[in-house]
Amino acid sequence: MHEDIVDLQTRMAFQDGVIEQLNQVVTDQQQQIDRLERRMEKLLGQVEALQADQLVQQADEPPPPHY
């Protein structure tokens, strides 16, 4: 009986360690996802600004002489 209890305690300690490692991995991944989302939003804003600038430049450009 005593050996069974020690075995269960050993398994539980191992599982606690694995759970803590998994929790750390999930936490790290979430932080990376958050950083990537912020960078993507920033890049999207830059692309939209460039597109808007390009449209303004095209609108200001006179038509070619053959018109």
C-alpha atoms as a PDB file:
ATOM      1  CA  MET A   1       0.000   0.000   0.000  1.00  0.00           C
ATOM      2  CA  HIS A   2       2.798   2.391   0.914  1.00  0.00           C
ATOM      3  CA  GLU A   3       4.491   1.752  -2.452  1.00  0.00           C
ATOM      4  CA  ASP A   4       1.241   2.581  -4.256  1.00  0.00           C
ATOM      5  CA  ILE A   5       1.022   5.917  -2.458  1.00  0.00           C
ATOM      6  CA  VAL A   6       4.654   6.749  -3.267  1.00  0.00           C
ATOM      7  CA  ASP A   7       4.044   5.772  -6.906  1.00  0.00           C
ATOM      8  CA  LEU A   8       0.975   8.019  -7.083  1.00  0.00           C
ATOM      9  CA  GLN A   9       2.867  10.892  -5.472  1.00  0.00           C
ATOM     10  CA  THR A  10       5.719  10.445  -7.943  1.00  0.00           C
ATOM     11  CA  ARG A  11       3.328  10.441 -10.885  1.00  0.00           C
ATOM     12  CA  MET A  12       1.546  13.484  -9.537  1.00  0.00           C
ATOM     13  CA  ALA A  13       4.817  15.392  -9.113  1.00  0.00           C
ATOM     14  CA  PHE A  14       5.819  14.489 -12.688  1.00  0.00           C
ATOM     15  CA  GLN A  15       2.431  15.563 -14.016  1.00  0.00           C
ATOM     16  CA  ASP A  16       2.653  18.848 -12.114  1.00  0.00           C
ATOM     17  CA  GLY A  17       6.001  19.524 -13.795  1.00  0.00           C
ATOM     18  CA  VAL A  18       4.632  18.671 -17.236  1.00  0.00           C
ATOM     19  CA  ILE A  19       1.578  20.860 -16.679  1.00  0.00           C
ATOM     20  CA  GLU A  20       3.815  23.759 -15.638  1.00  0.00           C
ATOM     21  CA  GLN A  21       5.962  23.302 -18.763  1.00  0.00           C
ATOM     22  CA  LEU A  22       2.884  23.190 -20.982  1.00  0.00           C
ATOM     23  CA  ASN A  23       1.509  26.286 -19.295  1.00  0.00           C
ATOM     24  CA  GLN A  24       4.776  28.103 -19.992  1.00  0.00           C
ATOM     25  CA  VAL A  25       4.672  27.062 -23.649  1.00  0.00           C
ATOM     26  CA  VAL A  26       1.086  28.270 -24.005  1.00  0.00           C
ATOM     27  CA  THR A  27       1.935  31.549 -22.277  1.00  0.00           C
ATOM     28  CA  ASP A  28       4.955  32.105 -24.546  1.00  0.00           C
ATOM     29  CA  GLN A  29       2.904  31.302 -27.638  1.00  0.00           C
ATOM     30  CA  GLN A  30       0.161  33.716 -26.611  1.00  0.00           C
ATOM     31  CA  GLN A  31       2.708  36.480 -26.105  1.00  0.00           C
ATOM     32  CA  GLN A  32       4.167  35.757 -29.539  1.00  0.00           C
ATOM     33  CA  ILE A  33       0.680  35.798 -31.099  1.00  0.00           C
ATOM     34  CA  ASP A  34      -0.024  39.137 -29.419  1.00  0.00           C
ATOM     35  CA  ARG A  35       3.250  40.601 -30.764  1.00  0.00           C
ATOM     36  CA  LEU A  36       2.545  39.297 -34.257  1.00  0.00           C
ATOM     37  CA  GLU A  37      -0.987  40.713 -34.209  1.00  0.00           C
ATOM     38  CA  ARG A  38       0.355  44.135 -33.214  1.00  0.00           C
ATOM     39  CA  ARG A  39       2.964  44.001 -35.977  1.00  0.00           C
ATOM     40  CA  MET A  40       0.386  42.896 -38.522  1.00  0.00           C
ATOM     41  CA  GLU A  41      -1.940  45.753 -37.561  1.00  0.00           C
ATOM     42  CA  LYS A  42       0.953  48.191 -37.916  1.00  0.00           C
ATOM     43  CA  LEU A  43       1.880  46.786 -41.321  1.00  0.00           C
ATOM     44  CA  LEU A  44      -1.740  46.866 -42.447  1.00  0.00           C
ATOM     45  CA  GLY A  45      -1.912  50.522 -41.478  1.00  0.00           C
ATOM     46  CA  GLN A  46       1.248  51.225 -43.445  1.00  0.00           C
ATOM     47  CA  VAL A  47      -0.073  49.402 -46.522  1.00  0.00           C
ATOM     48  CA  GLU A  48      -3.361  51.298 -46.348  1.00  0.00           C
ATOM     49  CA  ALA A  49      -1.489  54.600 -46.019  1.00  0.00           C
ATOM     50  CA  LEU A  50       0.692  53.748 -49.018  1.00  0.00           C
ATOM     51  CA  GLN A  51      -2.360  52.799 -51.069  1.00  0.00           C
ATOM     52  CA  ALA A  52      -4.087  56.043 -50.148  1.00  0.00           C
ATOM     53  CA  ASP A  53      -0.974  58.041 -51.071  1.00  0.00           C
ATOM     54  CA  GLN A  54      -0.735  56.234 -54.382  1.00  0.00           C
ATOM     55  CA  LEU A  55      -4.378  56.972 -55.194  1.00  0.00           C
ATOM     56  CA  VAL A  56      -3.873  60.647 -54.389  1.00  0.00           C
ATOM     57  CA  GLN A  57      -0.773  60.794 -56.577  1.00  0.00           C
ATOM     58  CA  GLN A  58      -2.606  59.129 -59.467  1.00  0.00           C
ATOM     59  CA  ALA A  59      -5.546  61.528 -59.123  1.00  0.00           C
ATOM     60  CA  ASP A  60      -3.211  64.546 -59.219  1.00  0.00           C
ATOM     61  CA  GLU A  61      -1.384  63.285 -62.294  1.00  0.00           C
ATOM     62  CA  PRO A  62      -2.549  64.895 -65.537  1.00  0.00           C
ATOM     63  CA  PRO A  63      -3.827  62.606 -68.273  1.00  0.00           C
ATOM     64  CA  PRO A  64      -1.358  61.519 -70.923  1.00  0.00           C
ATOM     65  CA  PRO A  65      -1.113  63.752 -74.029  1.00  0.00           C
ATOM     66  CA  HIS A  66      -2.961  61.318 -76.283  1.00  0.00           C
ATOM     67  CA  TYR A  67      -6.260  62.051 -74.509  1.00  0.00           C
END
